[in-house]
Protein backbone atom coordinates (compact mmCIF):
# COMPACT_ATOMS: atom_id res chain seq x y z
CA MET A 1 32.55 50.97 -180.36
CA PRO A 2 35.86 52.38 -181.60
CA VAL A 3 36.40 54.42 -178.37
CA SER A 4 39.19 52.76 -176.30
CA VAL A 5 37.95 51.23 -173.23
CA ALA A 6 41.36 50.48 -172.06
CA ASN A 7 42.64 54.01 -172.57
CA SER A 8 39.45 55.44 -170.85
CA GLN A 9 40.31 53.29 -167.89
CA VAL A 10 43.82 54.57 -167.76
CA ILE A 11 42.48 58.14 -167.79
CA TYR A 12 39.90 57.29 -165.05
CA ASP A 13 42.56 55.77 -162.94
CA ALA A 14 44.75 58.90 -163.30
CA LEU A 15 41.66 61.07 -162.11
CA LYS A 16 41.31 58.70 -159.20
CA ALA A 17 45.07 58.90 -158.41
CA CYS A 18 44.55 62.75 -158.26
CA ASP A 19 41.67 62.34 -155.44
CA VAL A 20 39.10 63.65 -157.89
CA LYS A 21 35.82 63.20 -156.11
CA ILE A 22 33.50 65.08 -158.54
CA ILE A 23 33.35 64.69 -162.31
CA SER A 24 30.99 66.95 -164.34
CA ALA A 25 30.16 65.75 -167.75
CA LEU A 26 27.95 66.16 -170.75
CA PRO A 27 27.54 63.02 -172.81
CA GLU A 28 29.88 62.66 -175.58
CA THR A 29 31.07 59.86 -177.86
CA TRP A 30 34.76 59.94 -176.94
CA LEU A 31 34.05 60.32 -173.22
CA VAL A 32 31.28 57.64 -172.94
CA HIS A 33 33.38 55.15 -171.07
CA LEU A 34 34.83 57.71 -168.70
CA ILE A 35 31.33 58.88 -167.84
CA ARG A 36 30.19 55.39 -167.26
CA MET A 37 33.20 54.63 -164.98
CA ALA A 38 32.39 57.71 -162.87
CA ASP A 39 28.70 56.85 -162.81
CA ASP A 40 29.59 53.25 -161.57
CA ASP A 41 32.06 54.37 -158.90
CA PRO A 42 30.55 54.93 -155.47
CA GLU A 43 33.62 57.02 -154.44
CA VAL A 44 32.93 59.64 -157.06
CA THR A 45 30.03 61.96 -157.49
CA LEU A 46 29.13 62.27 -161.43
CA VAL A 47 27.13 65.52 -162.07
CA ARG A 48 25.39 65.20 -165.42
CA VAL A 49 25.16 68.71 -166.79
CA ALA A 50 22.79 70.06 -169.70
CA LYS A 51 25.38 72.61 -170.71
CA GLU A 52 29.03 72.71 -170.26
CA GLU A 53 29.04 76.25 -168.64
CA GLU A 54 27.25 74.63 -165.63
CA ALA A 55 30.32 72.41 -165.05
CA ILE A 56 32.50 75.54 -164.55
CA GLY A 57 30.31 76.46 -161.57
CA ILE A 58 30.26 73.03 -160.16
CA SER A 59 34.10 72.84 -160.27
CA ALA A 60 34.36 76.31 -158.67
CA GLY A 61 32.02 75.30 -155.89
CA ALA A 62 33.91 72.09 -155.41
CA HIS A 63 37.20 74.00 -155.11
CA LEU A 64 35.59 76.39 -152.66
CA ALA A 65 34.62 73.39 -150.55
CA GLY A 66 38.04 71.82 -150.81
CA VAL A 67 37.06 68.80 -153.04
CA ASN A 68 39.08 67.97 -156.15
CA SER A 69 36.95 67.85 -159.37
CA ALA A 70 37.37 67.41 -163.07
CA LEU A 71 35.43 68.36 -166.18
CA LEU A 72 35.01 65.99 -169.11
CA MET A 73 33.86 67.93 -172.20
CA GLN A 74 34.21 68.06 -175.98
CA ASN A 75 36.17 71.09 -177.44
CA HIS A 76 32.82 72.31 -178.68
CA GLY A 77 31.84 72.17 -174.94
CA PHE A 78 34.77 74.30 -174.19
CA LEU A 79 33.72 76.89 -176.64
CA ALA A 80 30.16 77.01 -175.03
CA ALA A 81 31.84 77.47 -171.61
CA ILE A 82 34.09 80.40 -172.35
CA ASN A 83 31.77 82.98 -170.45
CA PRO A 84 31.87 81.32 -167.16
CA ILE A 85 35.61 80.33 -167.68
CA VAL A 86 36.41 84.05 -168.19
CA SER A 87 33.92 85.49 -165.72
CA LEU A 88 34.18 82.97 -162.92
CA ALA A 89 37.40 80.78 -163.20
CA LEU A 90 39.91 83.44 -164.45
CA LEU A 91 38.43 86.39 -162.70
CA TYR A 92 38.17 84.62 -159.22
CA LYS A 93 41.38 82.48 -159.73
CA ILE A 94 39.67 79.14 -159.68
CA PRO A 95 41.72 76.09 -160.46
CA ILE A 96 39.81 73.75 -162.90
CA LEU A 97 41.02 70.61 -164.52
CA MET A 98 39.37 70.27 -167.88
CA LEU A 99 39.73 67.03 -169.87
CA ILE A 100 38.69 67.98 -173.31
CA SER A 101 37.99 65.63 -176.30
CA TYR A 102 40.01 67.06 -179.09
CA ARG A 103 37.52 66.64 -182.00
CA GLY A 104 37.90 68.26 -185.35
CA HIS A 105 41.74 67.86 -185.44
CA MET A 106 43.90 65.75 -187.61
CA GLY A 107 42.17 62.62 -188.85
CA GLU A 108 38.83 63.99 -188.15
CA ARG A 109 36.20 62.48 -190.34
CA ASP A 110 33.09 64.46 -189.16
CA PRO A 111 32.76 67.79 -191.01
CA TRP A 112 30.76 69.32 -188.22
CA GLN A 113 33.53 68.92 -185.83
CA THR A 114 36.27 70.58 -187.82
CA GLN A 115 35.60 74.21 -187.14
CA GLY A 116 35.64 73.80 -183.39
CA GLY A 117 38.74 71.88 -183.71
CA MET A 118 40.61 74.53 -185.57
CA VAL A 119 39.91 77.13 -183.00
CA THR A 120 40.15 75.26 -179.67
CA GLU A 121 43.97 75.64 -179.15
CA PRO A 122 44.06 79.44 -180.42
CA LEU A 123 41.25 80.33 -177.80
CA LEU A 124 42.84 78.36 -175.01
CA ARG A 125 46.15 80.19 -175.71
CA THR A 126 44.33 83.56 -176.02
CA LEU A 127 42.78 82.97 -172.57
CA GLY A 128 46.13 82.03 -171.11
CA ILE A 129 45.02 78.50 -170.31
CA PRO A 130 47.81 75.85 -170.27
CA ILE A 131 47.41 73.07 -172.70
CA TRP A 132 48.74 69.52 -172.76
CA HIS A 133 48.08 67.18 -175.71
CA LEU A 134 47.60 63.56 -174.14
CA SER A 135 48.19 61.06 -176.76
CA ASP A 136 49.97 58.29 -174.97
CA PRO A 137 48.32 56.27 -172.34
CA HIS A 138 51.60 55.53 -170.56
CA ASP A 139 51.83 59.38 -169.93
CA ALA A 140 48.22 59.65 -168.45
CA GLN A 141 48.81 59.57 -164.86
CA ARG A 142 51.86 61.94 -164.84
CA ARG A 143 50.35 64.45 -167.16
CA ILE A 144 46.94 64.68 -165.54
CA LYS A 145 48.53 65.01 -162.06
CA ASP A 146 50.88 67.64 -163.55
CA ALA A 147 47.81 69.41 -164.97
CA GLN A 148 46.01 69.40 -161.74
CA THR A 149 49.14 70.54 -159.70
CA LEU A 150 49.57 73.40 -162.19
CA ALA A 151 45.83 74.36 -161.84
CA HIS A 152 46.11 74.66 -158.17
CA ALA A 153 49.59 76.45 -158.23
CA ALA A 154 48.48 78.93 -160.81
CA LEU A 155 44.83 79.22 -159.60
CA SER A 156 43.88 78.74 -163.19
CA PRO A 157 41.99 76.45 -165.56
CA VAL A 158 44.29 73.85 -167.28
CA ALA A 159 43.34 71.97 -170.42
CA VAL A 160 44.34 68.39 -171.06
CA LEU A 161 43.32 67.59 -174.77
CA LEU A 162 42.51 63.99 -175.22
CA THR A 163 43.60 63.37 -178.79
CA ARG A 164 42.33 60.92 -181.32
CA GLU A 165 45.51 58.77 -180.95
CA LEU A 166 44.43 58.21 -177.17
CA MET A 167 40.84 57.90 -177.38
CA TRP A 168 40.02 56.07 -180.81
CA GLU A 169 40.70 52.58 -181.81
CA GLU A 170 40.76 52.12 -185.60
């Protein structure tokens, strides 16, 4: 499989360093190893969702319970979750750490991914959600911690876009 196991492990270790205890995810090719790592970790609860919008509610509940959480989703999943992001997370100032596989961007080979890739960043900016492109595994721990810190300080969702350079091995 061309998805990087090594870089997935780096990302997972960064989430663990942030004391993330709940991870919500919908199966997705670039996230497959991260989801497996969470599923295999007895210190983390993996919540498999049917729709990404459910993950927003799970992270909101985790926040209210004082538990650190993270969402793993594809950018098309982010697009599907805009309503609860706006009507729950933004409205009630809920910090949410979103790790989004940045499909449909430069180098994308699958035509069905391109439309979502072209609107992901403009929609994040329109919603006022801070964005970080993570492309270097050496930056993962610092950038994911910085994103979590900003989410809690700003009481807002924050998006870490997992780029092809990070997630894919050619």
